[in-house]
């Protein structure tokens, strides 16, 4: 059995912070085995981990010495805390239902040596020994099997935080998105920051011309584009987070915390949607008044080349619809003739889009990635937090992302009003702004983006086990149907009407 080992020397508070870091990485099926003498700190570790998952520093977490097992349902996952000290032999341990607990969530076990043969092969062993007269603990962590790379990553994060003066930070998780990134919120005295954990992702299988999807669609493969784009946005007085510290090679960034007033949350709390979304439009207007960058400084002597939103990228995105959505909705792949017609129709639309003057396109400019900062002024009142996949492409793309939000409804009257607001301001401040071309691009890019999203949401459900995205499909269809009413998209509309008629559009996709 392969394993990786790390040894730390920590005081009791440091042990609790380590427990928090490990707790925020726990997944269903994880087993953490806590070994050590009486009073070494096993229960201290378990209690800190459980309180972190409960997001309650004062939660009552009794020792399970007499109950043997204490179970908790936390917002992230169920967790069972077991104490085998009073167990006589492994037959007694087998009656505690460890397999059932692992099926429901994660398990923390004290005195694991009393049931060694029952422990999962993929697990985290933690041995705690008192040192320095009880003032400190020697903590040895051993990751077995599939836990090995995860432990290495956790220790890299632990060292990064210590290196940049955040070793004493209180940690909280932030709900993730559809990406592989994750974020932790850090609080240390009066200071606040975010940790972005975004290790470089391996390329997927080649799907065209020897390249994986991520290369064709120009998706960021590490944190360097994020750093470069953040520096650019801040340089034109937009509210991207300041990079406090970075380790570009390991994919760790310490970011300014812009708060949690995300547009969707603000809307639920009763904020004015027209005010929030107008702020988002004004930030785009400021972005589009600035020169379009092709080469951006990362800050360490390296540069990032901003890729173009080219034919291959646009085309591979719309092909997510026949590749994933059509099969999911109809139970059968799209026929070769229908697929060829789909590609031909999109080629003619994309050719017109590529002829338009480029802007910096942030790509995912919508409610989950925008924060309301009312204490700031002008375009800086909108915080922007997701832009690592930025490209050079038609300016209308980000306006579509905002006004045809995939996650929540934007009423047609607000979309119409703010589209007019953008065009009026652009005509006033941007030389040679062509309103008719922009409005065509808005509808064509709306059709392109919503086509892509239908495919992505079907893929997230069927391939990645994330069915919650399917709830948004009726909204995406409403946007797409409206975009396709543009007179110059009539041939494309005819394809959708013939191959994906209304009875298919309303059909439930099974994850």
Protein backbone atom coordinates (compact mmCIF):
# COMPACT_ATOMS: atom_id res chain seq x y z
CA UNK A 1 0.00 0.00 0.00
CA UNK A 2 1.56 3.32 -1.03
CA UNK A 3 1.65 6.18 1.44
CA UNK A 4 3.08 9.66 1.89
CA UNK A 5 4.13 11.02 5.29
CA UNK A 6 4.45 14.53 6.73
CA UNK A 7 5.45 15.53 10.26
CA UNK A 8 4.53 18.83 11.97
CA UNK A 9 5.15 20.31 15.41
CA UNK A 10 2.12 22.30 16.59
CA UNK A 11 0.64 23.81 19.70
CA UNK A 12 -2.98 23.01 20.55
CA UNK A 13 -4.32 25.95 18.53
CA UNK A 14 -2.21 24.88 15.56
CA UNK A 15 -3.57 21.34 15.87
CA UNK A 16 -7.12 22.71 15.71
CA UNK A 17 -6.30 24.80 12.63
CA UNK A 18 -4.80 21.75 10.93
CA UNK A 19 -8.00 19.87 11.73
CA UNK A 20 -10.03 22.65 10.09
CA UNK A 21 -7.95 22.49 6.91
CA UNK A 22 -8.35 18.72 6.68
CA UNK A 23 -12.06 18.90 7.52
CA UNK A 24 -12.73 21.29 4.63
CA UNK A 25 -11.24 18.73 2.25
CA UNK A 26 -13.27 15.76 3.50
CA UNK A 27 -15.48 13.90 1.06
CA UNK A 28 -18.01 11.07 1.40
CA UNK A 29 -16.15 7.81 1.96
CA UNK A 30 -13.13 9.41 3.69
CA UNK A 31 -11.71 7.77 6.79
CA UNK A 32 -9.37 9.60 9.18
CA UNK A 33 -7.69 7.39 11.80
CA UNK A 34 -6.49 9.29 14.91
CA UNK A 35 -3.85 7.52 16.99
CA UNK A 36 -2.11 8.62 20.18
CA UNK A 37 -2.03 8.15 23.94
CA UNK A 38 -4.72 9.39 26.31
CA UNK A 39 -4.71 13.18 26.32
CA UNK A 40 -2.53 13.48 23.22
CA UNK A 41 -5.12 15.53 21.34
CA UNK A 42 -7.16 13.09 19.26
CA UNK A 43 -10.48 14.42 20.56
CA UNK A 44 -9.21 18.00 20.25
CA UNK A 45 -8.52 17.33 16.57
CA UNK A 46 -11.87 15.64 15.95
CA UNK A 47 -13.81 18.33 17.81
CA UNK A 48 -12.14 21.11 15.77
CA UNK A 49 -12.84 19.28 12.51
CA UNK A 50 -16.52 18.75 13.34
CA UNK A 51 -17.02 22.35 14.50
CA UNK A 52 -15.48 23.54 11.24
CA UNK A 53 -17.91 21.44 9.22
CA UNK A 54 -20.81 22.66 11.37
CA UNK A 55 -19.51 26.24 10.92
CA UNK A 56 -20.04 26.73 14.65
CA UNK A 57 -17.01 27.33 16.86
CA UNK A 58 -19.09 26.77 20.00
CA UNK A 59 -20.99 23.66 18.95
CA UNK A 60 -21.21 20.93 21.56
CA UNK A 61 -19.08 18.00 20.37
CA UNK A 62 -18.93 15.43 23.17
CA UNK A 63 -16.35 12.67 23.26
CA UNK A 64 -17.84 9.38 22.05
CA UNK A 65 -15.93 7.37 24.69
CA UNK A 66 -19.15 5.95 26.13
CA UNK A 67 -21.56 6.29 23.19
CA UNK A 68 -18.86 4.84 20.87
CA UNK A 69 -20.24 6.80 17.90
CA UNK A 70 -21.51 10.37 17.56
CA UNK A 71 -23.05 11.35 14.23
CA UNK A 72 -23.47 14.84 12.74
CA UNK A 73 -25.23 16.12 9.65
CA UNK A 74 -23.25 19.14 8.49
CA UNK A 75 -23.92 21.40 5.49
CA UNK A 76 -21.13 19.72 3.52
CA UNK A 77 -21.52 16.06 4.48
CA UNK A 78 -22.47 13.64 7.24
CA UNK A 79 -19.68 12.80 9.66
CA UNK A 80 -19.34 10.04 12.25
CA UNK A 81 -16.94 10.36 15.20
CA UNK A 82 -15.98 6.97 16.65
CA UNK A 83 -13.99 6.05 19.77
CA UNK A 84 -12.84 2.40 19.93
CA UNK A 85 -11.12 2.62 23.32
CA UNK A 86 -13.78 0.51 25.05
CA UNK A 87 -14.11 -1.97 22.19
CA UNK A 88 -12.97 -5.50 22.94
CA UNK A 89 -11.65 -7.04 19.75
CA UNK A 90 -12.46 -6.30 16.14
CA UNK A 91 -15.76 -8.16 16.33
CA UNK A 92 -17.08 -5.38 18.55
CA UNK A 93 -15.85 -2.71 16.14
CA UNK A 94 -17.55 -4.45 13.24
CA UNK A 95 -20.92 -3.85 14.92
CA UNK A 96 -20.51 -0.05 14.84
CA UNK A 97 -21.60 0.21 11.22
CA UNK A 98 -18.43 1.79 9.80
CA UNK A 99 -19.31 0.79 6.24
CA UNK A 100 -22.71 2.43 6.52
CA UNK A 101 -21.15 5.59 7.98
CA UNK A 102 -18.60 5.75 5.15
CA UNK A 103 -21.38 5.34 2.60
CA UNK A 104 -23.16 8.37 4.12
CA UNK A 105 -20.15 10.60 4.65
CA UNK A 106 -16.76 10.75 6.39
CA UNK A 107 -15.58 8.96 9.53
CA UNK A 108 -13.12 10.04 12.25
CA UNK A 109 -11.86 7.15 14.38
CA UNK A 110 -9.96 7.39 17.66
CA UNK A 111 -7.95 4.34 18.77
CA UNK A 112 -7.99 2.84 15.24
CA UNK A 113 -5.39 0.23 16.17
CA UNK A 114 -8.19 -1.73 17.89
CA UNK A 115 -9.81 -2.43 14.51
CA UNK A 116 -6.89 -2.29 12.10
CA UNK A 117 -8.28 -4.84 9.63
CA UNK A 118 -11.52 -2.86 9.27
CA UNK A 119 -9.78 0.32 8.11
CA UNK A 120 -10.14 1.34 4.48
CA UNK A 121 -7.08 1.07 2.25
CA UNK A 122 -7.55 4.68 1.14
CA UNK A 123 -7.37 6.70 4.33
CA UNK A 124 -5.53 9.34 6.31
CA UNK A 125 -3.63 8.21 9.43
CA UNK A 126 -2.78 10.88 12.00
CA UNK A 127 -0.50 10.01 14.94
CA UNK A 128 -0.29 12.62 17.74
CA UNK A 129 2.45 12.63 20.41
CA UNK A 130 2.84 15.13 23.24
CA UNK A 131 6.19 16.98 23.28
CA UNK A 132 7.76 19.90 25.16
CA UNK A 133 6.10 18.93 28.42
CA UNK A 134 2.66 18.93 26.82
CA UNK A 135 3.01 22.39 25.28
CA UNK A 136 3.26 21.06 21.73
CA UNK A 137 2.31 18.05 19.64
CA UNK A 138 4.27 16.09 17.10
CA UNK A 139 1.75 15.25 14.41
CA UNK A 140 2.61 12.65 11.79
CA UNK A 141 0.22 12.38 8.84
CA UNK A 142 0.29 9.42 6.48
CA UNK A 143 -1.84 9.36 3.36
CA UNK A 144 -2.59 5.89 2.06
CA UNK A 145 -3.62 5.01 -1.48
CA UNK A 146 -5.79 7.65 -3.11
CA UNK A 147 -5.41 9.93 -0.09
CA UNK A 148 -1.71 10.36 -0.83
CA UNK A 149 -1.93 13.20 -3.41
CA UNK A 150 -4.67 14.91 -1.39
CA UNK A 151 -2.49 14.97 1.72
CA UNK A 152 0.42 16.35 -0.30
CA UNK A 153 -1.85 19.14 -1.54
CA UNK A 154 -3.10 19.94 1.97
CA UNK A 155 0.47 20.18 3.24
CA UNK A 156 1.36 22.48 0.33
CA UNK A 157 -1.54 24.74 1.33
CA UNK A 158 -0.54 24.57 5.01
CA UNK A 159 3.02 25.64 4.15
CA UNK A 160 1.81 28.40 1.78
CA UNK A 161 -0.39 29.97 4.46
CA UNK A 162 2.44 29.83 7.02
CA UNK A 163 4.95 31.28 4.56
CA UNK A 164 2.76 34.33 3.90
CA UNK A 165 1.76 35.06 7.48
CA UNK A 166 -1.65 33.39 7.55
CA UNK A 167 -0.82 30.33 9.64
CA UNK A 168 -3.20 31.44 12.41
CA UNK A 169 -6.17 32.11 10.14
CA UNK A 170 -9.63 30.76 10.86
CA UNK A 171 -10.82 28.85 7.79
CA UNK A 172 -14.25 28.59 6.21
CA UNK A 173 -15.25 27.03 2.93
CA UNK A 174 -17.05 28.89 0.16
CA UNK A 175 -19.50 26.91 -1.99
CA UNK A 176 -17.85 25.91 -5.23
CA UNK A 177 -18.90 26.31 -8.84
CA UNK A 178 -18.77 24.00 -11.82
CA UNK A 179 -14.97 24.25 -12.03
CA UNK A 180 -12.17 22.35 -10.31
CA UNK A 181 -11.16 25.42 -8.30
CA UNK A 182 -12.03 25.78 -4.65
CA UNK A 183 -11.92 28.72 -2.27
CA UNK A 184 -11.37 29.14 1.47
CA UNK A 185 -12.23 32.29 3.37
CA UNK A 186 -9.51 33.32 5.85
CA UNK A 187 -9.96 35.47 8.95
CA UNK A 188 -6.99 36.48 11.10
CA UNK A 189 -7.60 39.16 13.70
CA UNK A 190 -9.15 42.02 11.69
CA UNK A 191 -7.71 40.86 8.37
CA UNK A 192 -9.65 38.97 5.72
CA UNK A 193 -8.53 37.16 2.58
CA UNK A 194 -9.47 34.35 0.21
CA UNK A 195 -7.36 31.35 -0.69
CA UNK A 196 -7.82 30.18 -4.28
CA UNK A 197 -6.77 26.56 -4.65
CA UNK A 198 -6.44 25.91 -8.37
CA UNK A 199 -3.81 23.28 -9.21
CA UNK A 200 -2.89 22.92 -12.83
CA UNK A 201 -5.32 20.56 -14.51
CA UNK A 202 -4.12 17.73 -16.73
CA UNK A 203 -5.18 17.87 -20.34
CA UNK A 204 -8.15 15.76 -21.29
CA UNK A 205 -8.09 13.34 -24.21
CA UNK A 206 -7.48 14.81 -27.67
CA UNK A 207 -10.75 15.35 -29.50
CA UNK A 208 -9.72 17.31 -32.61
CA UNK A 209 -6.44 17.98 -34.39
CA UNK A 210 -4.63 16.24 -31.54
CA UNK A 211 -5.83 18.82 -29.00
CA UNK A 212 -8.08 18.46 -25.92
CA UNK A 213 -11.25 20.52 -25.47
CA UNK A 214 -9.57 22.91 -23.01
CA UNK A 215 -6.91 23.93 -25.55
CA UNK A 216 -9.38 24.41 -28.38
CA UNK A 217 -11.75 26.48 -26.22
CA UNK A 218 -8.82 28.44 -24.72
CA UNK A 219 -9.55 27.53 -21.10
CA UNK A 220 -6.95 28.56 -18.51
CA UNK A 221 -4.75 25.69 -17.41
CA UNK A 222 -3.14 27.37 -14.39
CA UNK A 223 -3.49 30.57 -12.33
CA UNK A 224 -1.24 32.77 -14.47
CA UNK A 225 -4.06 34.12 -16.68
CA UNK A 226 -6.08 35.00 -13.55
CA UNK A 227 -3.17 37.01 -12.15
CA UNK A 228 -2.56 38.80 -15.45
CA UNK A 229 -6.22 39.70 -16.04
CA UNK A 230 -6.68 40.81 -12.40
CA UNK A 231 -3.73 43.20 -12.74
CA UNK A 232 -5.20 44.60 -15.95
CA UNK A 233 -8.69 45.10 -14.54
CA UNK A 234 -7.35 46.85 -11.46
CA UNK A 235 -5.19 49.00 -13.73
CA UNK A 236 -8.32 50.39 -15.43
CA UNK A 237 -10.01 51.00 -12.04
CA UNK A 238 -12.32 47.99 -12.02
CA UNK A 239 -12.80 45.95 -8.85
CA UNK A 240 -10.92 42.73 -9.39
CA UNK A 241 -9.30 41.27 -6.26
CA UNK A 242 -5.80 42.36 -5.33
CA UNK A 243 -3.31 39.47 -5.40
CA UNK A 244 -1.82 39.43 -1.88
CA UNK A 245 0.49 36.46 -2.45
CA UNK A 246 0.92 33.75 -5.06
CA UNK A 247 2.62 30.50 -5.86
CA UNK A 248 2.08 30.24 -9.59
CA UNK A 249 3.63 26.82 -9.97
CA UNK A 250 1.45 25.14 -7.34
CA UNK A 251 -1.70 27.11 -8.23
CA UNK A 252 -2.26 28.90 -4.93
CA UNK A 253 -3.34 32.53 -4.68
CA UNK A 254 -4.07 34.66 -1.64
CA UNK A 255 -6.67 37.22 -2.74
CA UNK A 256 -8.35 40.31 -1.42
CA UNK A 257 -11.73 39.31 -0.02
CA UNK A 258 -14.35 41.41 -1.80
CA UNK A 259 -17.07 40.09 0.49
CA UNK A 260 -20.07 37.89 -0.11
CA UNK A 261 -22.63 40.30 -1.57
CA UNK A 262 -22.97 38.22 -4.74
CA UNK A 263 -25.62 39.53 -7.14
CA UNK A 264 -27.88 36.51 -6.68
CA UNK A 265 -27.73 36.77 -2.88
CA UNK A 266 -28.41 40.50 -3.01
CA UNK A 267 -31.41 39.91 -5.24
CA UNK A 268 -32.83 37.33 -2.84
CA UNK A 269 -32.37 39.82 0.00
CA UNK A 270 -34.53 42.36 -1.82
CA UNK A 271 -32.03 44.48 -3.73
CA UNK A 272 -33.10 46.18 -6.95
CA UNK A 273 -32.20 43.99 -9.92
CA UNK A 274 -32.17 46.93 -12.29
CA UNK A 275 -29.65 48.76 -10.06
CA UNK A 276 -27.36 45.74 -9.71
CA UNK A 277 -27.45 44.80 -13.38
CA UNK A 278 -27.04 48.43 -14.49
CA UNK A 279 -23.88 48.48 -12.37
CA UNK A 280 -22.71 45.40 -14.24
CA UNK A 281 -23.40 47.06 -17.59
CA UNK A 282 -21.50 50.19 -16.52
CA UNK A 283 -18.49 48.09 -15.56
CA UNK A 284 -18.56 46.53 -19.04
CA UNK A 285 -18.74 49.95 -20.64
CA UNK A 286 -15.62 50.95 -18.70
CA UNK A 287 -13.89 47.74 -19.74
CA UNK A 288 -14.72 48.30 -23.40
CA UNK A 289 -13.46 51.90 -23.37
CA UNK A 290 -9.98 50.67 -22.46
CA UNK A 291 -7.47 49.41 -25.06
CA UNK A 292 -7.83 45.73 -25.87
CA UNK A 293 -4.82 43.90 -24.46
CA UNK A 294 -3.08 41.07 -26.31
CA UNK A 295 -0.09 40.62 -23.97
CA UNK A 296 -0.35 41.15 -20.21
CA UNK A 297 2.30 41.27 -17.51
CA UNK A 298 1.96 38.63 -14.80
CA UNK A 299 4.29 40.52 -12.48
CA UNK A 300 7.23 38.12 -12.25
CA UNK A 301 8.83 38.70 -15.62
CA UNK A 302 6.34 36.39 -17.34
CA UNK A 303 3.57 37.44 -19.72
CA UNK A 304 0.17 36.07 -20.63
CA UNK A 305 -1.01 36.16 -24.23
CA UNK A 306 -4.77 36.76 -24.33
CA UNK A 307 -6.12 34.24 -26.86
CA UNK A 308 -8.69 35.12 -29.54
CA UNK A 309 -12.24 33.80 -29.47
CA UNK A 310 -11.63 32.16 -32.81
CA UNK A 311 -13.56 29.85 -35.14
CA UNK A 312 -12.38 26.66 -33.45
CA UNK A 313 -13.29 27.92 -29.98
CA UNK A 314 -16.77 29.10 -30.98
CA UNK A 315 -17.42 25.94 -32.96
CA UNK A 316 -16.27 23.46 -30.31
CA UNK A 317 -18.54 25.19 -27.80
CA UNK A 318 -21.71 24.95 -29.85
CA UNK A 319 -20.92 21.31 -30.64
CA UNK A 320 -21.52 20.55 -26.97
CA UNK A 321 -25.21 20.60 -27.90
CA UNK A 322 -25.13 17.64 -30.32
CA UNK A 323 -22.42 15.90 -28.29
CA UNK A 324 -24.22 16.04 -24.92
CA UNK A 325 -27.63 17.69 -24.91
CA UNK A 326 -29.19 15.99 -27.95
CA UNK A 327 -28.27 12.50 -26.78
CA UNK A 328 -29.48 13.28 -23.23
CA UNK A 329 -32.79 14.75 -24.41
CA UNK A 330 -33.60 12.27 -27.19
CA UNK A 331 -31.77 9.12 -26.15
CA UNK A 332 -30.00 8.95 -29.51
CA UNK A 333 -27.05 10.70 -31.17
CA UNK A 334 -27.62 13.35 -33.80
CA UNK A 335 -27.45 11.94 -37.32
CA UNK A 336 -24.50 12.80 -39.57
CA UNK A 337 -26.59 14.84 -42.02
CA UNK A 338 -28.23 16.88 -39.26
CA UNK A 339 -24.87 17.46 -37.59
CA UNK A 340 -23.31 18.64 -40.85
CA UNK A 341 -26.18 21.10 -41.35
CA UNK A 342 -25.78 22.35 -37.78
CA UNK A 343 -22.06 23.01 -38.31
CA UNK A 344 -22.67 24.69 -41.67
CA UNK A 345 -25.26 27.07 -40.22
CA UNK A 346 -22.99 27.99 -37.34
CA UNK A 347 -20.00 28.53 -39.62
CA UNK A 348 -21.81 31.29 -41.48
CA UNK A 349 -22.87 33.00 -38.25
CA UNK A 350 -19.42 32.72 -36.69
CA UNK A 351 -17.79 34.19 -39.81
CA UNK A 352 -19.80 37.38 -39.29
CA UNK A 353 -18.89 37.51 -35.60
CA UNK A 354 -15.19 37.14 -36.33
CA UNK A 355 -15.30 40.20 -38.59
CA UNK A 356 -16.33 42.44 -35.67
CA UNK A 357 -13.78 44.54 -33.76
CA UNK A 358 -12.57 42.70 -30.63
CA UNK A 359 -12.87 43.65 -26.98
CA UNK A 360 -11.56 41.97 -23.84
CA UNK A 361 -14.13 39.24 -23.21
CA UNK A 362 -14.27 38.01 -19.60
CA UNK A 363 -16.39 34.98 -20.54
CA UNK A 364 -18.32 34.20 -17.32
CA UNK A 365 -19.62 37.65 -16.51
CA UNK A 366 -22.82 36.72 -14.66
CA UNK A 367 -24.44 36.77 -11.23
CA UNK A 368 -22.34 34.10 -9.41
CA UNK A 369 -19.17 36.00 -10.30
CA UNK A 370 -20.28 39.58 -9.60
CA UNK A 371 -20.41 41.25 -6.18
CA UNK A 372 -22.08 44.47 -5.10
CA UNK A 373 -19.67 46.97 -3.51
CA UNK A 374 -21.88 49.99 -2.76
CA UNK A 375 -19.15 51.71 -0.74
CA UNK A 376 -17.15 52.20 -3.96
CA UNK A 377 -17.96 54.58 -6.80
CA UNK A 378 -18.67 54.34 -10.51
CA UNK A 379 -17.84 51.16 -12.35
CA UNK A 380 -15.83 49.96 -9.31
CA UNK A 381 -19.10 49.27 -7.46
CA UNK A 382 -19.15 45.84 -9.10
CA UNK A 383 -16.60 43.27 -7.94
CA UNK A 384 -15.47 40.81 -10.61
CA UNK A 385 -14.06 37.48 -9.45
CA UNK A 386 -13.96 35.00 -12.36
CA UNK A 387 -12.07 35.92 -15.50
CA UNK A 388 -9.15 33.53 -15.95
CA UNK A 389 -10.59 32.29 -19.26
CA UNK A 390 -10.70 35.80 -20.78
CA UNK A 391 -10.24 36.15 -24.53
CA UNK A 392 -10.31 38.78 -27.25
CA UNK A 393 -13.69 38.65 -28.94
CA UNK A 394 -16.95 40.49 -29.69
CA UNK A 395 -17.92 42.93 -26.93
CA UNK A 396 -21.53 41.72 -26.90
CA UNK A 397 -20.56 38.35 -25.38
CA UNK A 398 -20.21 39.54 -21.78
CA UNK A 399 -23.36 41.65 -22.05
CA UNK A 400 -25.21 38.49 -23.07
CA UNK A 401 -23.71 36.63 -20.09
CA UNK A 402 -25.04 39.34 -17.77
CA UNK A 403 -28.48 39.99 -19.30
CA UNK A 404 -29.22 36.33 -20.10
CA UNK A 405 -28.02 34.94 -16.79
CA UNK A 406 -28.01 31.14 -16.81
CA UNK A 407 -28.59 30.81 -13.05
CA UNK A 408 -31.50 33.22 -12.50
CA UNK A 409 -34.20 35.04 -14.42
CA UNK A 410 -33.55 38.41 -15.96
CA UNK A 411 -37.00 39.77 -16.94
CA UNK A 412 -37.28 40.71 -20.64
CA UNK A 413 -38.04 44.33 -19.77
CA UNK A 414 -34.78 44.64 -17.82
CA UNK A 415 -32.83 42.97 -20.63
CA UNK A 416 -34.35 45.35 -23.19
CA UNK A 417 -33.75 48.43 -21.04
CA UNK A 418 -30.13 47.62 -20.23
CA UNK A 419 -29.27 46.52 -23.77
CA UNK A 420 -30.51 49.94 -24.90
CA UNK A 421 -28.53 51.61 -22.09
CA UNK A 422 -25.33 49.87 -23.22
CA UNK A 423 -25.88 50.82 -26.87
CA UNK A 424 -26.72 54.44 -26.03
CA UNK A 425 -23.59 54.86 -23.89
CA UNK A 426 -21.36 53.01 -26.35
CA UNK A 427 -22.60 55.19 -29.19
CA UNK A 428 -21.78 58.26 -27.10
CA UNK A 429 -18.31 57.22 -25.94
CA UNK A 430 -16.93 54.75 -28.50
CA UNK A 431 -15.96 56.00 -31.97
CA UNK A 432 -17.48 54.05 -34.86
CA UNK A 433 -19.90 52.08 -32.68
CA UNK A 434 -22.31 50.28 -35.05
CA UNK A 435 -25.58 49.64 -33.23
CA UNK A 436 -27.08 47.29 -35.82
CA UNK A 437 -23.95 45.12 -35.91
CA UNK A 438 -23.81 45.06 -32.13
CA UNK A 439 -27.46 44.02 -31.81
CA UNK A 440 -26.90 41.22 -34.33
CA UNK A 441 -23.81 40.12 -32.39
CA UNK A 442 -25.78 40.22 -29.14
CA UNK A 443 -28.42 37.82 -30.48
CA UNK A 444 -25.95 35.60 -32.34
CA UNK A 445 -23.66 35.32 -29.30
CA UNK A 446 -26.70 34.75 -27.12
CA UNK A 447 -27.60 31.80 -29.33
CA UNK A 448 -23.99 30.59 -29.28
CA UNK A 449 -23.59 30.89 -25.52
CA UNK A 450 -26.95 29.36 -24.65
CA UNK A 451 -26.34 26.49 -27.07
CA UNK A 452 -23.04 25.84 -25.30
CA UNK A 453 -24.67 26.02 -21.85
CA UNK A 454 -27.32 23.46 -22.78
CA UNK A 455 -24.51 21.09 -23.65
CA UNK A 456 -22.45 21.91 -20.56
CA UNK A 457 -25.37 21.44 -18.16
CA UNK A 458 -26.23 18.10 -19.76
CA UNK A 459 -22.58 17.08 -19.45
CA UNK A 460 -22.37 18.17 -15.82
CA UNK A 461 -25.41 16.06 -15.03
CA UNK A 462 -24.56 12.91 -16.97
CA UNK A 463 -20.76 12.79 -16.81
CA UNK A 464 -19.94 14.64 -13.59
CA UNK A 465 -22.89 13.65 -11.40
CA UNK A 466 -24.15 17.23 -10.91
CA UNK A 467 -27.86 17.07 -11.78
CA UNK A 468 -28.68 20.37 -10.05
CA UNK A 469 -27.75 22.23 -13.22
CA UNK A 470 -30.67 20.67 -15.08
CA UNK A 471 -33.09 22.97 -13.25
CA UNK A 472 -31.79 25.86 -15.36
CA UNK A 473 -32.45 24.30 -18.77
CA UNK A 474 -35.98 25.76 -19.26
CA UNK A 475 -34.54 29.25 -18.66
CA UNK A 476 -31.74 28.66 -21.16
CA UNK A 477 -34.26 27.58 -23.78
CA UNK A 478 -36.31 30.75 -23.21
CA UNK A 479 -33.24 32.88 -23.83
CA UNK A 480 -32.18 30.84 -26.86
CA UNK A 481 -35.62 30.92 -28.47
CA UNK A 482 -35.71 34.71 -28.15
CA UNK A 483 -32.19 35.10 -29.58
CA UNK A 484 -33.11 32.99 -32.60
CA UNK A 485 -35.95 35.37 -33.51
CA UNK A 486 -33.42 37.84 -34.94
CA UNK A 487 -34.23 37.97 -38.68
CA UNK A 488 -30.65 37.29 -39.71
CA UNK A 489 -30.62 34.06 -37.68
CA UNK A 490 -33.67 32.60 -39.44
CA UNK A 491 -31.77 29.70 -41.12
CA UNK A 492 -30.26 28.73 -37.78
CA UNK A 493 -33.67 28.96 -36.10
CA UNK A 494 -35.09 26.62 -38.73
CA UNK A 495 -32.49 23.98 -37.80
CA UNK A 496 -33.38 24.16 -34.09
CA UNK A 497 -37.12 24.09 -34.82
CA UNK A 498 -36.76 21.01 -37.02
CA UNK A 499 -34.30 18.95 -34.97
CA UNK A 500 -35.17 20.11 -31.45
CA UNK A 501 -38.91 20.91 -31.55
CA UNK A 502 -40.83 22.09 -28.52
CA UNK A 503 -41.71 18.60 -27.28
CA UNK A 504 -37.99 17.84 -26.94
CA UNK A 505 -37.15 21.21 -25.38
CA UNK A 506 -39.52 20.62 -22.49
CA UNK A 507 -38.45 17.02 -21.98
CA UNK A 508 -36.79 16.22 -18.65
CA UNK A 509 -33.22 15.00 -18.92
CA UNK A 510 -32.38 12.14 -16.62
CA UNK A 511 -29.00 12.53 -14.97
